[in-house]
Amino acid sequence: MNEAVIVKVGMADLNVAAAGASLRTTGLGSCVGLTLYDAGRRIAGMAHIMLPSSEIAREGQLNVAKYADTAIPELLVRMKDAGADLSRLVAKMAGGAQMFAFAGGSDSMRIGPRNVESSHAALAKWSIPVVAEDTGGNYGRTIEFDSLSGVLTIRSVQNGVKEI
């Protein structure tokens, strides 16, 4: 029996998979699960992005995987090191929910939508198209990305299972 290899991606973490392995992350509320894929070489990457910009970083040693503006360049380096052709990459993303309702329009409370916006902006800098996304709403998600097929499977209590 051949057990599929699943590479776990934690919060504020990123990783790369190939040769039929899958990447999985859980607990996507306001966080964005961003995936990159080279279909020709079947190399997949995933980042679990917690916050939109490293400009707000307060930690001494910067965790580049935590922020949209630093996670995407780091993921590109790792994918290139794994053999991906960066000119063929496409992106898919899920998450970015507005988990709580707040009175007033304070931008600091729009973490989910801002994570999605920042991810789009960072991808645009690298001319990487977003070919599918399941973002927004007010519910959590778990995602799994298959390096063989490039299919992103999204699971949520509210909406069941969806593939993009």
N, C-alpha and C. Protein backbone atom coordinates (compact mmCIF):
# COMPACT_ATOMS: atom_id res chain seq x y z
N MET A 1 0.84 -1.18 0.00
CA MET A 1 0.00 0.00 0.00
C MET A 1 0.89 1.24 0.00
N ASN A 2 0.66 2.14 -0.94
CA ASN A 2 1.48 3.33 -1.07
C ASN A 2 0.81 4.51 -0.36
N GLU A 3 1.40 4.93 0.75
CA GLU A 3 0.86 6.04 1.54
C GLU A 3 1.33 7.36 0.93
N ALA A 4 0.41 8.27 0.67
CA ALA A 4 0.76 9.57 0.11
C ALA A 4 1.57 10.37 1.13
N VAL A 5 2.60 11.05 0.65
CA VAL A 5 3.42 11.88 1.52
C VAL A 5 2.74 13.23 1.67
N ILE A 6 2.55 13.66 2.92
CA ILE A 6 1.95 14.96 3.19
C ILE A 6 2.96 15.79 3.96
N VAL A 7 3.32 16.93 3.39
CA VAL A 7 4.24 17.86 4.02
C VAL A 7 3.39 18.90 4.74
N LYS A 8 3.55 19.00 6.06
CA LYS A 8 2.77 19.96 6.84
C LYS A 8 3.41 21.34 6.78
N VAL A 9 2.57 22.33 6.64
CA VAL A 9 2.99 23.73 6.66
C VAL A 9 2.28 24.36 7.85
N GLY A 10 3.03 24.79 8.84
CA GLY A 10 2.45 25.37 10.05
C GLY A 10 2.07 26.83 9.84
N MET A 11 1.57 27.45 10.90
CA MET A 11 1.27 28.88 10.84
C MET A 11 2.58 29.65 10.67
N ALA A 12 2.56 30.68 9.83
CA ALA A 12 3.75 31.49 9.58
C ALA A 12 4.91 30.60 9.12
N ASP A 13 4.60 29.69 8.20
CA ASP A 13 5.56 28.71 7.72
C ASP A 13 5.39 28.59 6.21
N LEU A 14 6.39 28.01 5.55
CA LEU A 14 6.26 27.73 4.12
C LEU A 14 7.10 26.51 3.78
N ASN A 15 6.75 25.86 2.67
CA ASN A 15 7.48 24.67 2.26
C ASN A 15 7.22 24.39 0.78
N VAL A 16 7.99 23.44 0.25
CA VAL A 16 7.91 23.04 -1.16
C VAL A 16 7.76 21.53 -1.21
N ALA A 17 7.02 21.03 -2.21
CA ALA A 17 6.84 19.59 -2.39
C ALA A 17 6.87 19.26 -3.87
N ALA A 18 7.28 18.02 -4.17
CA ALA A 18 7.31 17.53 -5.55
C ALA A 18 7.11 16.02 -5.51
N ALA A 19 7.20 15.41 -6.67
CA ALA A 19 7.14 13.94 -6.78
C ALA A 19 5.88 13.35 -6.18
N GLY A 20 4.77 14.06 -6.32
CA GLY A 20 3.50 13.53 -5.85
C GLY A 20 3.17 13.80 -4.40
N ALA A 21 4.05 14.45 -3.66
CA ALA A 21 3.75 14.81 -2.27
C ALA A 21 2.73 15.94 -2.25
N SER A 22 2.01 16.05 -1.14
CA SER A 22 1.04 17.13 -0.98
C SER A 22 1.47 18.03 0.16
N LEU A 23 1.07 19.29 0.07
CA LEU A 23 1.30 20.27 1.13
C LEU A 23 -0.03 20.51 1.83
N ARG A 24 -0.01 20.59 3.17
CA ARG A 24 -1.25 20.80 3.91
C ARG A 24 -1.03 21.83 5.02
N THR A 25 -2.01 22.73 5.16
CA THR A 25 -2.01 23.64 6.30
C THR A 25 -3.42 23.73 6.86
N THR A 26 -3.50 23.92 8.16
CA THR A 26 -4.79 24.00 8.86
C THR A 26 -4.90 25.36 9.54
N GLY A 27 -6.08 25.66 9.99
CA GLY A 27 -6.28 26.86 10.80
C GLY A 27 -6.24 28.16 10.02
N LEU A 28 -6.67 28.13 8.76
CA LEU A 28 -6.74 29.37 7.99
C LEU A 28 -8.03 30.09 8.34
N GLY A 29 -7.90 31.14 9.13
CA GLY A 29 -9.02 32.02 9.40
C GLY A 29 -8.75 33.28 8.59
N SER A 30 -8.18 34.30 9.27
CA SER A 30 -7.77 35.51 8.55
C SER A 30 -6.47 35.28 7.78
N CYS A 31 -5.76 34.21 8.10
CA CYS A 31 -4.53 33.88 7.38
C CYS A 31 -4.85 33.46 5.95
N VAL A 32 -3.85 33.60 5.07
CA VAL A 32 -3.99 33.18 3.68
C VAL A 32 -3.07 31.99 3.42
N GLY A 33 -3.63 30.95 2.84
CA GLY A 33 -2.83 29.84 2.35
C GLY A 33 -2.57 30.10 0.88
N LEU A 34 -1.33 30.44 0.56
CA LEU A 34 -0.97 30.79 -0.80
C LEU A 34 -0.16 29.66 -1.41
N THR A 35 -0.54 29.21 -2.60
CA THR A 35 0.19 28.13 -3.27
C THR A 35 0.74 28.63 -4.60
N LEU A 36 1.91 28.10 -4.95
CA LEU A 36 2.52 28.35 -6.25
C LEU A 36 2.77 27.01 -6.90
N TYR A 37 2.65 26.96 -8.24
CA TYR A 37 2.77 25.67 -8.91
C TYR A 37 3.43 25.81 -10.27
N ASP A 38 4.40 24.93 -10.53
CA ASP A 38 5.00 24.77 -11.85
C ASP A 38 4.48 23.44 -12.38
N ALA A 39 3.50 23.49 -13.28
CA ALA A 39 2.85 22.28 -13.79
C ALA A 39 3.81 21.41 -14.61
N GLY A 40 4.73 22.05 -15.33
CA GLY A 40 5.67 21.31 -16.16
C GLY A 40 6.60 20.41 -15.35
N ARG A 41 7.04 20.92 -14.22
CA ARG A 41 7.97 20.16 -13.38
C ARG A 41 7.27 19.55 -12.16
N ARG A 42 5.99 19.85 -12.02
CA ARG A 42 5.17 19.35 -10.90
C ARG A 42 5.81 19.65 -9.55
N ILE A 43 6.15 20.92 -9.38
CA ILE A 43 6.71 21.40 -8.12
C ILE A 43 5.72 22.39 -7.52
N ALA A 44 5.38 22.15 -6.26
CA ALA A 44 4.38 22.96 -5.56
C ALA A 44 5.00 23.65 -4.36
N GLY A 45 4.51 24.83 -4.06
CA GLY A 45 4.94 25.56 -2.87
C GLY A 45 3.73 26.09 -2.14
N MET A 46 3.86 26.23 -0.81
CA MET A 46 2.76 26.78 -0.02
C MET A 46 3.32 27.64 1.10
N ALA A 47 2.66 28.78 1.33
CA ALA A 47 2.97 29.65 2.46
C ALA A 47 1.69 29.88 3.25
N HIS A 48 1.82 29.83 4.59
CA HIS A 48 0.71 30.14 5.51
C HIS A 48 0.99 31.55 6.03
N ILE A 49 0.38 32.54 5.36
CA ILE A 49 0.64 33.95 5.62
C ILE A 49 -0.30 34.47 6.70
N MET A 50 0.30 35.02 7.77
CA MET A 50 -0.50 35.52 8.89
C MET A 50 -0.84 37.00 8.80
N LEU A 51 0.09 37.80 8.28
CA LEU A 51 -0.08 39.24 8.29
C LEU A 51 0.34 39.86 6.97
N PRO A 52 -0.23 41.02 6.62
CA PRO A 52 -0.01 41.59 5.30
C PRO A 52 1.39 42.15 5.04
N SER A 53 2.02 42.76 6.04
CA SER A 53 3.27 43.46 5.76
C SER A 53 4.28 43.32 6.89
N SER A 54 5.54 43.12 6.51
CA SER A 54 6.61 42.99 7.49
C SER A 54 6.95 44.34 8.13
N GLU A 55 6.38 45.42 7.61
CA GLU A 55 6.62 46.75 8.18
C GLU A 55 6.14 46.83 9.62
N ILE A 56 5.20 45.96 10.01
CA ILE A 56 4.67 45.99 11.37
C ILE A 56 5.41 45.02 12.29
N ALA A 57 6.45 44.35 11.76
CA ALA A 57 7.18 43.34 12.54
C ALA A 57 7.80 43.94 13.79
N ARG A 58 7.64 43.23 14.89
CA ARG A 58 8.24 43.67 16.15
C ARG A 58 9.23 42.65 16.69
N GLU A 59 9.21 41.43 16.13
CA GLU A 59 10.10 40.41 16.64
C GLU A 59 11.55 40.73 16.25
N GLY A 60 12.51 40.27 17.05
CA GLY A 60 13.92 40.53 16.78
C GLY A 60 14.37 39.87 15.49
N GLN A 61 14.19 38.57 15.40
CA GLN A 61 14.55 37.81 14.20
C GLN A 61 13.30 37.69 13.35
N LEU A 62 13.29 38.32 12.18
CA LEU A 62 12.11 38.35 11.33
C LEU A 62 11.78 36.96 10.78
N ASN A 63 10.53 36.53 10.99
CA ASN A 63 10.04 35.29 10.39
C ASN A 63 9.47 35.67 9.03
N VAL A 64 10.25 35.40 7.97
CA VAL A 64 9.83 35.83 6.63
C VAL A 64 8.55 35.16 6.16
N ALA A 65 8.24 33.97 6.68
CA ALA A 65 7.04 33.25 6.25
C ALA A 65 5.76 33.87 6.79
N LYS A 66 5.87 34.74 7.77
CA LYS A 66 4.70 35.29 8.47
C LYS A 66 3.97 36.38 7.66
N TYR A 67 4.69 37.05 6.77
CA TYR A 67 4.15 38.24 6.09
C TYR A 67 4.08 38.02 4.58
N ALA A 68 3.03 38.56 3.96
CA ALA A 68 2.84 38.39 2.52
C ALA A 68 4.02 38.94 1.72
N ASP A 69 4.52 40.11 2.12
CA ASP A 69 5.58 40.76 1.33
C ASP A 69 6.94 40.07 1.43
N THR A 70 7.13 39.23 2.44
CA THR A 70 8.41 38.52 2.57
C THR A 70 8.27 37.02 2.30
N ALA A 71 7.09 36.45 2.53
CA ALA A 71 6.89 35.00 2.33
C ALA A 71 6.98 34.64 0.85
N ILE A 72 6.39 35.45 -0.01
CA ILE A 72 6.34 35.12 -1.43
C ILE A 72 7.74 35.12 -2.06
N PRO A 73 8.57 36.15 -1.83
CA PRO A 73 9.94 36.07 -2.37
C PRO A 73 10.73 34.87 -1.83
N GLU A 74 10.55 34.54 -0.56
CA GLU A 74 11.25 33.38 0.01
C GLU A 74 10.75 32.08 -0.62
N LEU A 75 9.45 31.98 -0.84
CA LEU A 75 8.89 30.78 -1.47
C LEU A 75 9.43 30.64 -2.91
N LEU A 76 9.58 31.76 -3.60
CA LEU A 76 10.13 31.73 -4.96
C LEU A 76 11.56 31.20 -4.96
N VAL A 77 12.37 31.62 -4.00
CA VAL A 77 13.75 31.14 -3.89
C VAL A 77 13.76 29.63 -3.67
N ARG A 78 12.93 29.16 -2.76
CA ARG A 78 12.89 27.72 -2.45
C ARG A 78 12.38 26.90 -3.63
N MET A 79 11.41 27.44 -4.36
CA MET A 79 10.90 26.71 -5.52
C MET A 79 11.94 26.65 -6.62
N LYS A 80 12.65 27.75 -6.84
CA LYS A 80 13.72 27.75 -7.84
C LYS A 80 14.80 26.73 -7.45
N ASP A 81 15.16 26.71 -6.17
CA ASP A 81 16.16 25.74 -5.67
C ASP A 81 15.70 24.31 -5.89
N ALA A 82 14.37 24.08 -5.85
CA ALA A 82 13.82 22.73 -6.06
C ALA A 82 13.70 22.39 -7.54
N GLY A 83 14.00 23.37 -8.42
CA GLY A 83 13.98 23.09 -9.85
C GLY A 83 12.82 23.69 -10.62
N ALA A 84 12.01 24.51 -9.96
CA ALA A 84 10.86 25.12 -10.64
C ALA A 84 11.31 26.19 -11.62
N ASP A 85 10.57 26.33 -12.70
CA ASP A 85 10.77 27.40 -13.67
C ASP A 85 9.84 28.54 -13.24
N LEU A 86 10.42 29.61 -12.70
CA LEU A 86 9.61 30.69 -12.13
C LEU A 86 8.72 31.37 -13.16
N SER A 87 9.09 31.31 -14.44
CA SER A 87 8.28 31.97 -15.46
C SER A 87 6.97 31.21 -15.73
N ARG A 88 6.87 29.97 -15.25
CA ARG A 88 5.65 29.17 -15.47
C ARG A 88 4.74 29.11 -14.24
N LEU A 89 5.10 29.77 -13.17
CA LEU A 89 4.32 29.63 -11.94
C LEU A 89 2.94 30.26 -12.04
N VAL A 90 1.99 29.58 -11.42
CA VAL A 90 0.65 30.13 -11.22
C VAL A 90 0.33 30.01 -9.73
N ALA A 91 -0.57 30.86 -9.26
CA ALA A 91 -0.91 30.88 -7.84
C ALA A 91 -2.38 30.54 -7.63
N LYS A 92 -2.63 29.92 -6.48
CA LYS A 92 -3.99 29.73 -5.97
C LYS A 92 -3.93 30.11 -4.50
N MET A 93 -5.04 30.60 -3.97
CA MET A 93 -5.04 30.95 -2.55
C MET A 93 -6.41 30.74 -1.93
N ALA A 94 -6.36 30.55 -0.61
CA ALA A 94 -7.59 30.37 0.17
C ALA A 94 -7.38 30.99 1.54
N GLY A 95 -8.49 31.34 2.17
CA GLY A 95 -8.42 31.94 3.50
C GLY A 95 -8.77 33.41 3.43
N GLY A 96 -8.12 34.20 4.29
CA GLY A 96 -8.36 35.64 4.30
C GLY A 96 -9.75 36.00 4.77
N ALA A 97 -10.28 35.20 5.68
CA ALA A 97 -11.63 35.45 6.19
C ALA A 97 -11.65 36.63 7.17
N GLN A 98 -12.80 37.26 7.29
CA GLN A 98 -13.03 38.26 8.33
C GLN A 98 -13.73 37.50 9.45
N MET A 99 -12.94 37.04 10.41
CA MET A 99 -13.46 36.10 11.41
C MET A 99 -14.38 36.75 12.44
N PHE A 100 -14.24 38.05 12.66
CA PHE A 100 -15.04 38.71 13.68
C PHE A 100 -15.61 40.01 13.14
N ALA A 101 -16.79 40.36 13.60
CA ALA A 101 -17.41 41.62 13.18
C ALA A 101 -16.99 42.71 14.16
N PHE A 102 -16.54 43.84 13.63
CA PHE A 102 -16.13 44.96 14.47
C PHE A 102 -16.91 46.20 14.08
N ALA A 103 -17.25 46.99 15.09
CA ALA A 103 -17.92 48.26 14.81
C ALA A 103 -16.86 49.22 14.28
N GLY A 104 -17.24 50.02 13.31
CA GLY A 104 -16.27 50.97 12.74
C GLY A 104 -15.50 50.32 11.61
N GLY A 105 -14.82 51.13 10.86
CA GLY A 105 -14.12 50.62 9.68
C GLY A 105 -12.62 50.57 9.84
N SER A 106 -12.13 50.36 11.06
CA SER A 106 -10.69 50.36 11.30
C SER A 106 -9.97 49.35 10.41
N ASP A 107 -8.98 49.84 9.67
CA ASP A 107 -8.22 48.99 8.76
C ASP A 107 -7.45 47.92 9.51
N SER A 108 -7.05 48.21 10.75
CA SER A 108 -6.26 47.24 11.53
C SER A 108 -7.06 45.99 11.87
N MET A 109 -8.38 46.08 11.80
CA MET A 109 -9.21 44.92 12.11
C MET A 109 -9.58 44.12 10.85
N ARG A 110 -9.17 44.58 9.68
CA ARG A 110 -9.46 43.90 8.42
C ARG A 110 -8.27 43.01 8.02
N ILE A 111 -7.78 42.20 8.95
CA ILE A 111 -6.58 41.41 8.70
C ILE A 111 -6.78 40.47 7.51
N GLY A 112 -7.87 39.71 7.48
CA GLY A 112 -8.10 38.76 6.39
C GLY A 112 -8.11 39.42 5.02
N PRO A 113 -8.98 40.42 4.81
CA PRO A 113 -8.99 41.09 3.51
C PRO A 113 -7.64 41.73 3.16
N ARG A 114 -6.95 42.29 4.14
CA ARG A 114 -5.64 42.91 3.88
C ARG A 114 -4.61 41.85 3.51
N ASN A 115 -4.70 40.66 4.11
CA ASN A 115 -3.78 39.57 3.73
C ASN A 115 -3.98 39.18 2.27
N VAL A 116 -5.24 39.12 1.84
CA VAL A 116 -5.55 38.77 0.45
C VAL A 116 -5.01 39.86 -0.48
N GLU A 117 -5.28 41.13 -0.15
CA GLU A 117 -4.82 42.25 -0.97
C GLU A 117 -3.30 42.27 -1.08
N SER A 118 -2.60 42.08 0.03
CA SER A 118 -1.13 42.09 0.04
C SER A 118 -0.56 40.92 -0.74
N SER A 119 -1.22 39.77 -0.67
CA SER A 119 -0.76 38.60 -1.43
C SER A 119 -0.89 38.86 -2.92
N HIS A 120 -2.02 39.45 -3.33
CA HIS A 120 -2.22 39.80 -4.74
C HIS A 120 -1.14 40.80 -5.20
N ALA A 121 -0.86 41.80 -4.37
CA ALA A 121 0.12 42.82 -4.73
C ALA A 121 1.51 42.21 -4.88
N ALA A 122 1.89 41.32 -3.96
CA ALA A 122 3.21 40.69 -4.03
C ALA A 122 3.32 39.80 -5.27
N LEU A 123 2.27 39.06 -5.57
CA LEU A 123 2.28 38.20 -6.76
C LEU A 123 2.37 39.05 -8.04
N ALA A 124 1.70 40.18 -8.05
CA ALA A 124 1.72 41.06 -9.22
C ALA A 124 3.14 41.57 -9.49
N LYS A 125 3.89 41.83 -8.42
CA LYS A 125 5.28 42.28 -8.58
C LYS A 125 6.12 41.27 -9.35
N TRP A 126 5.78 40.01 -9.19
CA TRP A 126 6.52 38.92 -9.84
C TRP A 126 5.79 38.43 -11.10
N SER A 127 4.71 39.10 -11.48
CA SER A 127 3.90 38.74 -12.66
C SER A 127 3.40 37.30 -12.59
N ILE A 128 2.99 36.88 -11.39
CA ILE A 128 2.45 35.53 -11.20
C ILE A 128 0.93 35.63 -11.17
N PRO A 129 0.25 34.98 -12.13
CA PRO A 129 -1.21 35.07 -12.17
C PRO A 129 -1.87 34.23 -11.07
N VAL A 130 -2.95 34.76 -10.51
CA VAL A 130 -3.78 33.99 -9.57
C VAL A 130 -4.85 33.33 -10.42
N VAL A 131 -4.79 32.00 -10.54
CA VAL A 131 -5.70 31.28 -11.42
C VAL A 131 -6.98 30.83 -10.71
N ALA A 132 -6.94 30.80 -9.37
CA ALA A 132 -8.15 30.42 -8.61
C ALA A 132 -7.97 30.86 -7.16
N GLU A 133 -9.09 31.21 -6.53
CA GLU A 133 -9.02 31.53 -5.11
C GLU A 133 -10.36 31.30 -4.43
N ASP A 134 -10.28 31.01 -3.16
CA ASP A 134 -11.44 30.84 -2.30
C ASP A 134 -11.14 31.65 -1.04
N THR A 135 -11.41 32.95 -1.11
CA THR A 135 -11.03 33.84 -0.02
C THR A 135 -12.25 34.59 0.50
N GLY A 136 -12.07 35.18 1.67
CA GLY A 136 -13.13 35.97 2.29
C GLY A 136 -14.07 35.12 3.13
N GLY A 137 -15.26 35.61 3.31
CA GLY A 137 -16.22 34.92 4.17
C GLY A 137 -15.86 35.13 5.63
N ASN A 138 -16.48 34.31 6.48
CA ASN A 138 -16.23 34.45 7.92
C ASN A 138 -16.03 33.08 8.56
N TYR A 139 -15.37 32.18 7.83
CA TYR A 139 -15.18 30.81 8.32
C TYR A 139 -13.75 30.33 8.04
N GLY A 140 -13.33 29.36 8.84
CA GLY A 140 -11.99 28.81 8.71
C GLY A 140 -11.89 27.74 7.64
N ARG A 141 -10.67 27.49 7.23
CA ARG A 141 -10.41 26.52 6.17
C ARG A 141 -9.16 25.69 6.48
N THR A 142 -9.13 24.48 5.93
CA THR A 142 -7.94 23.64 5.87
C THR A 142 -7.71 23.38 4.40
N ILE A 143 -6.45 23.50 3.95
CA ILE A 143 -6.18 23.28 2.54
C ILE A 143 -5.10 22.23 2.33
N GLU A 144 -5.19 21.55 1.19
CA GLU A 144 -4.18 20.57 0.79
C GLU A 144 -3.92 20.76 -0.70
N PHE A 145 -2.64 20.82 -1.07
CA PHE A 145 -2.23 21.10 -2.45
C PHE A 145 -1.41 19.93 -2.98
N ASP A 146 -1.89 19.33 -4.06
CA ASP A 146 -1.28 18.14 -4.65
C ASP A 146 -0.24 18.54 -5.69
N SER A 147 1.02 18.12 -5.47
CA SER A 147 2.09 18.50 -6.40
C SER A 147 2.00 17.77 -7.74
N LEU A 148 1.25 16.69 -7.79
CA LEU A 148 1.12 15.95 -9.04
C LEU A 148 0.09 16.60 -9.97
N SER A 149 -1.06 16.97 -9.41
CA SER A 149 -2.16 17.49 -10.23
C SER A 149 -2.30 19.02 -10.19
N GLY A 150 -1.75 19.66 -9.15
CA GLY A 150 -1.94 21.10 -8.99
C GLY A 150 -3.31 21.46 -8.45
N VAL A 151 -4.04 20.46 -7.94
CA VAL A 151 -5.38 20.70 -7.38
C VAL A 151 -5.26 21.15 -5.93
N LEU A 152 -5.95 22.24 -5.60
CA LEU A 152 -6.03 22.73 -4.22
C LEU A 152 -7.37 22.30 -3.65
N THR A 153 -7.34 21.47 -2.61
CA THR A 153 -8.56 21.01 -1.94
C THR A 153 -8.77 21.85 -0.69
N ILE A 154 -9.96 22.42 -0.56
CA ILE A 154 -10.31 23.29 0.55
C ILE A 154 -11.41 22.63 1.35
N ARG A 155 -11.18 22.51 2.66
CA ARG A 155 -12.19 21.92 3.54
C ARG A 155 -12.62 22.97 4.57
N SER A 156 -13.94 23.05 4.78
CA SER A 156 -14.46 23.92 5.83
C SER A 156 -15.72 23.26 6.39
N VAL A 157 -15.98 23.54 7.66
CA VAL A 157 -17.17 22.99 8.30
C VAL A 157 -18.42 23.51 7.59
N GLN A 158 -18.43 24.81 7.26
CA GLN A 158 -19.61 25.44 6.67
C GLN A 158 -19.88 25.01 5.24
N ASN A 159 -18.81 24.80 4.46
CA ASN A 159 -18.99 24.57 3.02
C ASN A 159 -18.47 23.24 2.53
N GLY A 160 -18.12 22.34 3.40
CA GLY A 160 -17.67 21.02 2.98
C GLY A 160 -16.34 21.06 2.25
N VAL A 161 -16.22 20.27 1.19
CA VAL A 161 -14.98 20.14 0.43
C VAL A 161 -15.15 20.75 -0.95
N LYS A 162 -14.16 21.52 -1.37
CA LYS A 162 -14.17 22.17 -2.68
C LYS A 162 -12.79 22.01 -3.29
N GLU A 163 -12.73 21.81 -4.60
CA GLU A 163 -11.44 21.74 -5.30
C GLU A 163 -11.34 22.87 -6.29
N ILE A 164 -10.18 23.52 -6.29
CA ILE A 164 -9.93 24.58 -7.28
C ILE A 164 -8.57 24.35 -7.91
